[in-house]
């Protein structure tokens, strides 16, 4: 009888602990639009991801499928230094699967036909402006 009672209490405690953890996780997820988060914590629905998604949606019709596209962006967000340019590049690659997106500083970027500047202007002699979109610009690379 005591064993059954102890097992029952242990199950009750485990269930309570699991529900409490689930509640704190869901509450944190629901507040994603009100609290600043580092790039590792970005999720759909957050302002940083929403801005990038709108930019990618605007750039999609201007980029031929299968073309190599260099992606460049600033390295800071909200005054904090960090490597969020890398995470923006990875999110953009996810949001634009029909093109071969490469990071602007990589060796593969030398062969890119187009370039995207997210919150960043690219120099005019090498890059021909195709369109200015909310959040950035689309360029054709001159050789």
Protein backbone atom coordinates (compact mmCIF):
# COMPACT_ATOMS: atom_id res chain seq x y z
CA UNK A 1 0.00 0.00 0.00
CA UNK A 2 2.82 2.46 0.87
CA UNK A 3 4.60 1.66 -2.40
CA UNK A 4 1.49 2.48 -4.42
CA UNK A 5 1.08 5.72 -2.50
CA UNK A 6 4.71 6.71 -3.11
CA UNK A 7 4.44 5.88 -6.83
CA UNK A 8 1.21 7.87 -7.04
CA UNK A 9 2.80 10.89 -5.32
CA UNK A 10 5.85 10.66 -7.59
CA UNK A 11 3.60 10.58 -10.68
CA UNK A 12 1.57 13.49 -9.35
CA UNK A 13 4.72 15.51 -8.68
CA UNK A 14 6.15 14.69 -12.14
CA UNK A 15 2.90 15.72 -13.82
CA UNK A 16 2.81 19.00 -11.88
CA UNK A 17 6.46 19.75 -12.75
CA UNK A 18 5.88 18.97 -16.44
CA UNK A 19 2.82 21.24 -16.58
CA UNK A 20 4.70 24.06 -14.85
CA UNK A 21 7.60 23.81 -17.32
CA UNK A 22 5.18 23.70 -20.24
CA UNK A 23 3.39 26.79 -18.92
CA UNK A 24 6.62 28.78 -18.63
CA UNK A 25 7.75 27.68 -22.11
CA UNK A 26 4.45 28.65 -23.75
CA UNK A 27 4.34 31.95 -21.88
CA UNK A 28 7.84 32.77 -23.12
CA UNK A 29 6.87 31.87 -26.66
CA UNK A 30 3.75 34.02 -26.55
CA UNK A 31 5.74 37.10 -25.47
CA UNK A 32 8.13 36.79 -28.43
CA UNK A 33 6.96 40.04 -30.06
CA UNK A 34 7.52 42.12 -26.90
CA UNK A 35 10.95 41.13 -25.75
CA UNK A 36 14.21 41.51 -27.64
CA UNK A 37 15.88 38.24 -28.40
CA UNK A 38 19.28 37.29 -29.65
CA UNK A 39 19.62 35.59 -33.02
CA UNK A 40 19.68 32.12 -31.48
CA UNK A 41 16.17 32.66 -30.14
CA UNK A 42 14.56 33.97 -33.34
CA UNK A 43 11.24 32.36 -34.29
CA UNK A 44 8.52 33.10 -36.81
CA UNK A 45 6.40 35.97 -35.57
CA UNK A 46 9.29 37.97 -34.11
CA UNK A 47 9.94 41.42 -35.59
CA UNK A 48 13.45 40.57 -36.85
CA UNK A 49 12.21 37.50 -38.71
CA UNK A 50 9.11 39.31 -39.97
CA UNK A 51 11.21 42.11 -41.50
CA UNK A 52 13.45 39.59 -43.22
CA UNK A 53 10.47 37.56 -44.46
CA UNK A 54 8.86 40.66 -46.00
CA UNK A 55 12.15 41.55 -47.68
CA UNK A 56 12.57 38.00 -49.04
CA UNK A 57 8.98 37.96 -50.33
CA UNK A 58 9.59 41.21 -52.20
CA UNK A 59 12.90 39.99 -53.66
CA UNK A 60 11.59 36.56 -54.76
CA UNK A 61 9.94 37.70 -58.05
CA UNK A 62 13.09 39.65 -59.03
CA UNK A 63 15.47 36.67 -58.72
CA UNK A 64 15.46 33.93 -61.37
CA UNK A 65 15.16 30.43 -59.86
CA UNK A 66 18.52 28.66 -59.65
CA UNK A 67 20.59 31.86 -59.81
CA UNK A 68 23.45 32.44 -57.38
CA UNK A 69 22.67 35.33 -55.04
CA UNK A 70 25.04 36.95 -52.54
CA UNK A 71 23.42 38.07 -49.27
CA UNK A 72 24.85 40.94 -47.21
CA UNK A 73 23.53 42.55 -44.02
CA UNK A 74 24.73 44.58 -41.07
CA UNK A 75 26.36 42.89 -38.10
CA UNK A 76 24.41 44.51 -35.25
CA UNK A 77 20.77 44.56 -34.15
CA UNK A 78 19.28 46.85 -31.55
CA UNK A 79 22.66 48.25 -30.54
CA UNK A 80 24.07 44.87 -29.57
CA UNK A 81 27.11 43.57 -31.38
CA UNK A 82 26.94 39.98 -32.50
CA UNK A 83 27.08 37.62 -35.39
CA UNK A 84 23.41 38.03 -36.28
CA UNK A 85 24.42 38.66 -39.92
CA UNK A 86 25.13 34.91 -40.07
CA UNK A 87 21.68 34.10 -38.71
CA UNK A 88 20.02 36.56 -41.10
CA UNK A 89 21.83 34.83 -43.97
CA UNK A 90 20.62 31.41 -42.77
CA UNK A 91 17.03 32.66 -42.38
CA UNK A 92 17.18 34.23 -45.85
CA UNK A 93 18.43 30.93 -47.29
CA UNK A 94 15.43 29.24 -45.66
CA UNK A 95 13.02 31.89 -46.96
CA UNK A 96 14.44 31.83 -50.52
CA UNK A 97 14.91 28.13 -51.33
CA UNK A 98 14.60 28.59 -55.09
CA UNK A 99 17.93 30.46 -55.39
CA UNK A 100 21.50 29.50 -54.46
CA UNK A 101 22.02 31.98 -51.62
CA UNK A 102 25.63 32.48 -50.50
CA UNK A 103 27.11 34.73 -47.83
CA UNK A 104 28.59 37.95 -49.20
CA UNK A 105 32.04 37.32 -47.71
CA UNK A 106 32.39 33.76 -49.00
CA UNK A 107 34.49 32.73 -52.02
CA UNK A 108 31.31 31.57 -53.81
CA UNK A 109 29.99 35.15 -53.73
CA UNK A 110 32.54 36.11 -56.42
CA UNK A 111 30.45 34.13 -58.93
CA UNK A 112 27.07 35.55 -57.87
CA UNK A 113 24.83 37.09 -60.53
CA UNK A 114 22.66 38.99 -58.04
CA UNK A 115 23.09 40.45 -54.57
CA UNK A 116 20.72 41.28 -51.73
CA UNK A 117 21.56 44.04 -49.28
CA UNK A 118 19.41 43.75 -46.16
CA UNK A 119 19.63 47.05 -44.25
CA UNK A 120 22.86 47.67 -46.12
CA UNK A 121 23.73 49.67 -49.25
CA UNK A 122 26.17 48.03 -51.63
CA UNK A 123 28.72 50.10 -53.63
CA UNK A 124 27.44 51.40 -56.97
CA UNK A 125 30.29 50.62 -59.40
CA UNK A 126 30.11 46.88 -58.86
CA UNK A 127 26.39 46.53 -58.08
CA UNK A 128 23.56 47.78 -60.30
CA UNK A 129 20.41 48.60 -58.34
CA UNK A 130 17.37 46.66 -59.57
CA UNK A 131 14.85 47.50 -56.86
CA UNK A 132 14.58 49.09 -53.44
CA UNK A 133 12.37 47.08 -51.11
CA UNK A 134 11.24 47.52 -47.50
CA UNK A 135 14.33 46.57 -45.53
CA UNK A 136 16.88 46.50 -48.33
CA UNK A 137 17.73 46.38 -52.00
CA UNK A 138 18.20 43.93 -54.86
CA UNK A 139 21.25 44.33 -57.11
CA UNK A 140 22.64 42.83 -60.31
CA UNK A 141 26.36 42.12 -60.06
CA UNK A 142 28.51 43.68 -62.78
CA UNK A 143 31.55 41.81 -63.92
